[in-house]
Amino acid sequence: MKFNVLQHRLVPEHRLLEDDEAQRVLAGLRITSDQLPKIKKTDPVIHVLEQIHGPIEEGRIIKITRISETAGISEAYRLVVGR
């Protein structure tokens, strides 16, 4: 990959959650994984995370942390789906 999108100043931090952490998040939100917003395996961020963690299967959860001067820190979660 020629460019690491995670190093761009406008791209928030993305982190792959471990299975046990993902289950705690879902329980805390009182939802199932299919109720989360989706992120495709073809997304450039997923390609970068796969270079770090190895292949990422469908059904894994990504945590996105955004920092804003007005809103502070916000966390969002995305479910990895196929093409």
Protein backbone atom coordinates (compact mmCIF):
# COMPACT_ATOMS: atom_id res chain seq x y z
CA MET A 1 0.00 0.00 0.00
CA LYS A 2 1.41 3.36 -0.99
CA PHE A 3 -0.37 5.45 1.63
CA ASN A 4 -1.42 4.61 5.17
CA VAL A 5 -4.83 6.27 5.53
CA LEU A 6 -4.65 6.01 9.33
CA GLN A 7 -1.82 8.55 9.31
CA HIS A 8 -3.98 11.22 7.66
CA ARG A 9 -5.02 13.99 10.06
CA LEU A 10 -8.70 13.73 9.09
CA VAL A 11 -9.02 9.97 9.66
CA PRO A 12 -9.96 9.09 13.25
CA GLU A 13 -8.29 6.28 15.19
CA HIS A 14 -9.55 2.81 14.22
CA ARG A 15 -8.89 -0.21 16.41
CA LEU A 16 -9.83 -3.85 15.98
CA LEU A 17 -11.58 -5.15 19.10
CA GLU A 18 -10.80 -8.54 20.59
CA ASP A 19 -13.79 -10.90 20.75
CA ASP A 20 -14.26 -10.61 24.52
CA GLU A 21 -14.07 -6.81 24.40
CA ALA A 22 -16.55 -6.74 21.52
CA GLN A 23 -19.00 -8.85 23.54
CA ARG A 24 -18.70 -6.47 26.50
CA VAL A 25 -19.37 -3.48 24.23
CA LEU A 26 -22.44 -5.14 22.70
CA ALA A 27 -23.75 -6.07 26.14
CA GLY A 28 -23.19 -2.54 27.40
CA LEU A 29 -25.05 -1.08 24.42
CA ARG A 30 -27.73 -3.79 24.69
CA ILE A 31 -27.61 -4.56 20.98
CA THR A 32 -26.54 -7.38 18.69
CA SER A 33 -23.64 -7.03 16.27
CA ASP A 34 -25.95 -6.89 13.23
CA GLN A 35 -27.46 -3.66 14.63
CA LEU A 36 -24.13 -1.84 14.34
CA PRO A 37 -23.29 0.36 11.35
CA LYS A 38 -21.24 -1.53 8.78
CA ILE A 39 -17.76 -1.13 7.31
CA LYS A 40 -16.81 -3.11 4.21
CA LYS A 41 -13.76 -5.35 4.01
CA THR A 42 -12.77 -3.31 0.95
CA ASP A 43 -12.47 -0.10 3.00
CA PRO A 44 -8.89 1.26 2.92
CA VAL A 45 -8.78 1.36 6.72
CA ILE A 46 -9.50 -2.38 6.87
CA HIS A 47 -6.62 -3.02 4.45
CA VAL A 48 -4.24 -1.14 6.76
CA LEU A 49 -5.55 -2.96 9.85
CA GLU A 50 -5.06 -6.29 8.05
CA GLN A 51 -1.41 -5.41 7.50
CA ILE A 52 -1.12 -4.93 11.27
CA HIS A 53 -3.33 -7.76 12.61
CA GLY A 54 -3.49 -10.20 9.70
CA PRO A 55 -6.71 -11.19 7.93
CA ILE A 56 -9.84 -9.67 9.46
CA GLU A 57 -12.90 -11.88 9.18
CA GLU A 58 -16.44 -10.67 8.62
CA GLY A 59 -18.26 -10.17 11.90
CA ARG A 60 -15.35 -8.49 13.71
CA ILE A 61 -15.92 -5.10 15.31
CA ILE A 62 -13.87 -1.95 14.78
CA LYS A 63 -13.80 0.84 17.38
CA ILE A 64 -13.50 4.37 15.99
CA THR A 65 -12.41 7.16 18.35
CA ARG A 66 -12.98 10.72 17.18
CA ILE A 67 -11.57 13.76 18.96
CA SER A 68 -13.35 17.07 18.48
CA GLU A 69 -12.75 20.48 20.01
CA THR A 70 -16.49 20.98 20.49
CA ALA A 71 -17.74 17.47 21.25
CA GLY A 72 -14.71 16.06 23.03
CA ILE A 73 -14.08 12.34 22.55
CA SER A 74 -16.69 10.16 20.88
CA GLU A 75 -16.56 6.44 20.24
CA ALA A 76 -18.32 4.58 17.48
CA TYR A 77 -18.34 0.93 16.46
CA ARG A 78 -18.57 -0.70 13.04
CA LEU A 79 -19.23 -4.31 12.02
CA VAL A 80 -16.94 -5.66 9.30
CA VAL A 81 -18.99 -7.03 6.40
CA GLY A 82 -18.12 -8.54 3.03
CA ARG A 83 -18.16 -6.87 -0.31
